[in-house]
C-alpha atoms as a PDB file:
ATOM      1  CA  MET A   1     -28.880 -57.044 -64.152  1.00  0.00           C
ATOM      2  CA  SER A   2     -26.532 -57.846 -67.013  1.00  0.00           C
ATOM      3  CA  LEU A   3     -22.825 -57.061 -66.987  1.00  0.00           C
ATOM      4  CA  LYS A   4     -20.675 -55.478 -69.643  1.00  0.00           C
ATOM      5  CA  THR A   5     -16.935 -55.814 -70.160  1.00  0.00           C
ATOM      6  CA  MET A   6     -15.369 -52.417 -70.731  1.00  0.00           C
ATOM      7  CA  THR A   7     -12.699 -52.252 -73.418  1.00  0.00           C
ATOM      8  CA  THR A   8     -10.698 -49.390 -74.877  1.00  0.00           C
ATOM      9  CA  SER A   9     -13.283 -49.197 -77.661  1.00  0.00           C
ATOM     10  CA  ASP A  10     -15.783 -48.050 -74.994  1.00  0.00           C
ATOM     11  CA  LEU A  11     -13.584 -45.076 -74.097  1.00  0.00           C
ATOM     12  CA  PRO A  12     -14.026 -41.615 -75.567  1.00  0.00           C
ATOM     13  CA  HIS A  13     -11.858 -40.856 -78.583  1.00  0.00           C
ATOM     14  CA  GLY A  14      -8.316 -39.974 -77.562  1.00  0.00           C
ATOM     15  CA  THR A  15      -8.241 -41.850 -74.258  1.00  0.00           C
ATOM     16  CA  GLU A  16      -6.883 -45.036 -75.799  1.00  0.00           C
ATOM     17  CA  SER A  17      -3.352 -43.700 -75.335  1.00  0.00           C
ATOM     18  CA  HIS A  18      -3.872 -44.078 -71.602  1.00  0.00           C
ATOM     19  CA  SER A  19      -4.598 -47.789 -71.810  1.00  0.00           C
ATOM     20  CA  HIS A  20      -3.050 -50.127 -69.281  1.00  0.00           C
ATOM     21  CA  HIS A  21       0.419 -51.473 -69.995  1.00  0.00           C
ATOM     22  CA  HIS A  22       1.472 -53.705 -67.134  1.00  0.00           C
ATOM     23  CA  ASP A  23       3.747 -56.641 -66.524  1.00  0.00           C
ATOM     24  CA  HIS A  24       0.913 -58.691 -65.043  1.00  0.00           C
ATOM     25  CA  GLU A  25      -1.748 -60.516 -67.012  1.00  0.00           C
ATOM     26  CA  PRO A  26      -4.495 -58.222 -68.288  1.00  0.00           C
ATOM     27  CA  HIS A  27      -7.874 -58.521 -66.646  1.00  0.00           C
ATOM     28  CA  ASP A  28     -11.315 -57.421 -67.670  1.00  0.00           C
ATOM     29  CA  HIS A  29     -13.072 -54.734 -65.740  1.00  0.00           C
ATOM     30  CA  VAL A  30     -16.694 -55.748 -65.522  1.00  0.00           C
ATOM     31  CA  HIS A  31     -19.225 -53.247 -64.260  1.00  0.00           C
ATOM     32  CA  SER A  32     -22.984 -53.278 -64.078  1.00  0.00           C
ATOM     33  CA  GLU A  33     -24.924 -51.460 -66.768  1.00  0.00           C
ATOM     34  CA  GLU A  34     -26.415 -49.280 -64.008  1.00  0.00           C
ATOM     35  CA  SER A  35     -22.963 -48.206 -62.848  1.00  0.00           C
ATOM     36  CA  ILE A  36     -21.851 -47.415 -66.389  1.00  0.00           C
ATOM     37  CA  ARG A  37     -25.102 -45.525 -67.026  1.00  0.00           C
ATOM     38  CA  LYS A  38     -24.594 -43.372 -63.913  1.00  0.00           C
ATOM     39  CA  VAL A  39     -21.097 -42.341 -64.951  1.00  0.00           C
ATOM     40  CA  VAL A  40     -22.059 -41.746 -68.589  1.00  0.00           C
ATOM     41  CA  ASN A  41     -25.075 -39.646 -67.564  1.00  0.00           C
ATOM     42  CA  ARG A  42     -22.949 -37.486 -65.272  1.00  0.00           C
ATOM     43  CA  LEU A  43     -20.317 -37.061 -67.968  1.00  0.00           C
ATOM     44  CA  SER A  44     -23.005 -36.069 -70.469  1.00  0.00           C
ATOM     45  CA  ARG A  45     -24.248 -33.368 -68.090  1.00  0.00           C
ATOM     46  CA  ILE A  46     -20.673 -32.147 -67.612  1.00  0.00           C
ATOM     47  CA  GLU A  47     -20.174 -32.109 -71.376  1.00  0.00           C
ATOM     48  CA  GLY A  48     -23.243 -29.882 -71.721  1.00  0.00           C
ATOM     49  CA  HIS A  49     -21.982 -27.646 -68.941  1.00  0.00           C
ATOM     50  CA  VAL A  50     -18.624 -27.246 -70.718  1.00  0.00           C
ATOM     51  CA  ARG A  51     -20.438 -26.291 -73.930  1.00  0.00           C
ATOM     52  CA  GLY A  52     -22.287 -23.669 -71.872  1.00  0.00           C
ATOM     53  CA  ILE A  53     -18.989 -22.277 -70.599  1.00  0.00           C
ATOM     54  CA  LYS A  54     -17.688 -22.129 -74.156  1.00  0.00           C
ATOM     55  CA  ALA A  55     -20.796 -20.146 -75.146  1.00  0.00           C
ATOM     56  CA  MET A  56     -20.208 -17.801 -72.196  1.00  0.00           C
ATOM     57  CA  VAL A  57     -16.665 -17.106 -73.397  1.00  0.00           C
ATOM     58  CA  GLU A  58     -17.838 -16.623 -76.989  1.00  0.00           C
ATOM     59  CA  SER A  59     -20.458 -14.105 -75.817  1.00  0.00           C
ATOM     60  CA  ASP A  60     -17.819 -12.263 -73.749  1.00  0.00           C
ATOM     61  CA  ARG A  61     -19.433 -12.907 -70.372  1.00  0.00           C
ATOM     62  CA  PRO A  62     -17.571 -11.523 -67.338  1.00  0.00           C
ATOM     63  CA  CYS A  63     -14.532 -13.564 -66.328  1.00  0.00           C
ATOM     64  CA  PRO A  64     -15.723 -14.107 -62.726  1.00  0.00           C
ATOM     65  CA  ASP A  65     -18.958 -15.664 -64.051  1.00  0.00           C
ATOM     66  CA  VAL A  66     -16.993 -17.976 -66.320  1.00  0.00           C
ATOM     67  CA  LEU A  67     -14.636 -18.958 -63.499  1.00  0.00           C
ATOM     68  CA  VAL A  68     -17.575 -19.869 -61.255  1.00  0.00           C
ATOM     69  CA  GLN A  69     -18.858 -22.212 -63.961  1.00  0.00           C
ATOM     70  CA  VAL A  70     -15.385 -23.711 -64.487  1.00  0.00           C
ATOM     71  CA  ALA A  71     -15.253 -24.403 -60.744  1.00  0.00           C
ATOM     72  CA  ALA A  72     -18.647 -26.100 -60.958  1.00  0.00           C
ATOM     73  CA  VAL A  73     -17.372 -28.375 -63.742  1.00  0.00           C
ATOM     74  CA  ARG A  74     -14.248 -29.190 -61.722  1.00  0.00           C
ATOM     75  CA  GLY A  75     -16.443 -30.184 -58.787  1.00  0.00           C
ATOM     76  CA  ALA A  76     -18.642 -32.311 -61.033  1.00  0.00           C
ATOM     77  CA  LEU A  77     -15.584 -34.059 -62.489  1.00  0.00           C
ATOM     78  CA  ASP A  78     -14.273 -34.707 -58.977  1.00  0.00           C
ATOM     79  CA  ARG A  79     -17.623 -36.291 -58.076  1.00  0.00           C
ATOM     80  CA  VAL A  80     -17.434 -38.518 -61.172  1.00  0.00           C
ATOM     81  CA  ALA A  81     -13.903 -39.535 -60.208  1.00  0.00           C
ATOM     82  CA  ARG A  82     -15.131 -40.398 -56.713  1.00  0.00           C
ATOM     83  CA  LEU A  83     -17.948 -42.495 -58.175  1.00  0.00           C
ATOM     84  CA  ILE A  84     -15.473 -44.353 -60.390  1.00  0.00           C
ATOM     85  CA  LEU A  85     -13.056 -44.860 -57.489  1.00  0.00           C
ATOM     86  CA  ASP A  86     -15.835 -46.160 -55.232  1.00  0.00           C
ATOM     87  CA  GLU A  87     -16.896 -48.585 -57.952  1.00  0.00           C
ATOM     88  CA  HIS A  88     -13.320 -49.679 -58.508  1.00  0.00           C
ATOM     89  CA  LEU A  89     -12.723 -50.339 -54.836  1.00  0.00           C
ATOM     90  CA  SER A  90     -15.991 -52.179 -54.262  1.00  0.00           C
ATOM     91  CA  GLN A  91     -15.929 -54.219 -57.470  1.00  0.00           C
ATOM     92  CA  CYS A  92     -12.515 -54.464 -59.137  1.00  0.00           C
ATOM     93  CA  VAL A  93     -10.278 -54.535 -56.075  1.00  0.00           C
ATOM     94  CA  ALA A  94     -12.635 -56.895 -54.261  1.00  0.00           C
ATOM     95  CA  ARG A  95     -12.670 -59.199 -57.315  1.00  0.00           C
ATOM     96  CA  ALA A  96      -8.867 -59.069 -57.529  1.00  0.00           C
ATOM     97  CA  ALA A  97      -8.643 -60.080 -53.868  1.00  0.00           C
ATOM     98  CA  GLN A  98     -10.913 -63.066 -54.508  1.00  0.00           C
ATOM     99  CA  GLU A  99      -8.879 -64.046 -57.573  1.00  0.00           C
ATOM    100  CA  GLY A 100      -5.585 -63.756 -55.702  1.00  0.00           C
ATOM    101  CA  ASN A 101      -4.047 -60.900 -57.691  1.00  0.00           C
ATOM    102  CA  ILE A 102      -4.647 -58.062 -55.241  1.00  0.00           C
ATOM    103  CA  GLU A 103      -1.034 -56.825 -55.354  1.00  0.00           C
ATOM    104  CA  ALA A 104      -1.188 -56.150 -59.099  1.00  0.00           C
ATOM    105  CA  GLU A 105      -4.556 -54.419 -58.760  1.00  0.00           C
ATOM    106  CA  ILE A 106      -3.284 -52.194 -55.942  1.00  0.00           C
ATOM    107  CA  GLU A 107      -0.200 -51.233 -57.979  1.00  0.00           C
ATOM    108  CA  GLU A 108      -2.447 -50.347 -60.925  1.00  0.00           C
ATOM    109  CA  LEU A 109      -4.636 -48.245 -58.635  1.00  0.00           C
ATOM    110  CA  LYS A 110      -1.608 -46.460 -57.142  1.00  0.00           C
ATOM    111  CA  THR A 111      -0.359 -45.578 -60.628  1.00  0.00           C
ATOM    112  CA  ALA A 112      -3.780 -44.245 -61.621  1.00  0.00           C
ATOM    113  CA  LEU A 113      -4.088 -42.215 -58.404  1.00  0.00           C
ATOM    114  CA  ASP A 114      -0.610 -40.755 -58.891  1.00  0.00           C
ATOM    115  CA  ARG A 115      -1.661 -39.495 -62.314  1.00  0.00           C
ATOM    116  CA  PHE A 116      -5.040 -38.315 -61.053  1.00  0.00           C
ATOM    117  CA  LEU A 117      -3.683 -36.403 -58.077  1.00  0.00           C
ATOM    118  CA  THR A 118      -0.937 -34.531 -59.936  1.00  0.00           C
END
């Protein structure tokens, strides 16, 4: 299985403003193509679901129906976040520990979790 280095050019438009700015040396996040494919596929399904919600609103569907679908998208996004976090812990944090820069990686993860959880 080949590996790919993710860069900000791989991110959806508009997410570049959330790039990493740290005092420590930058490091590449390398993930398997299978892992990237899983996340991208889930995000594509969520994207379609959001378009469906938009169509519901445009066709004046009942608010409770729309809210149920919004909740479903929230749950799907939470599952994607969990998948990304699991991957990060098993790959990136483990790699940082082997490379001897675990403290910087943990600080980066704490910052990301603070933003995610608020």
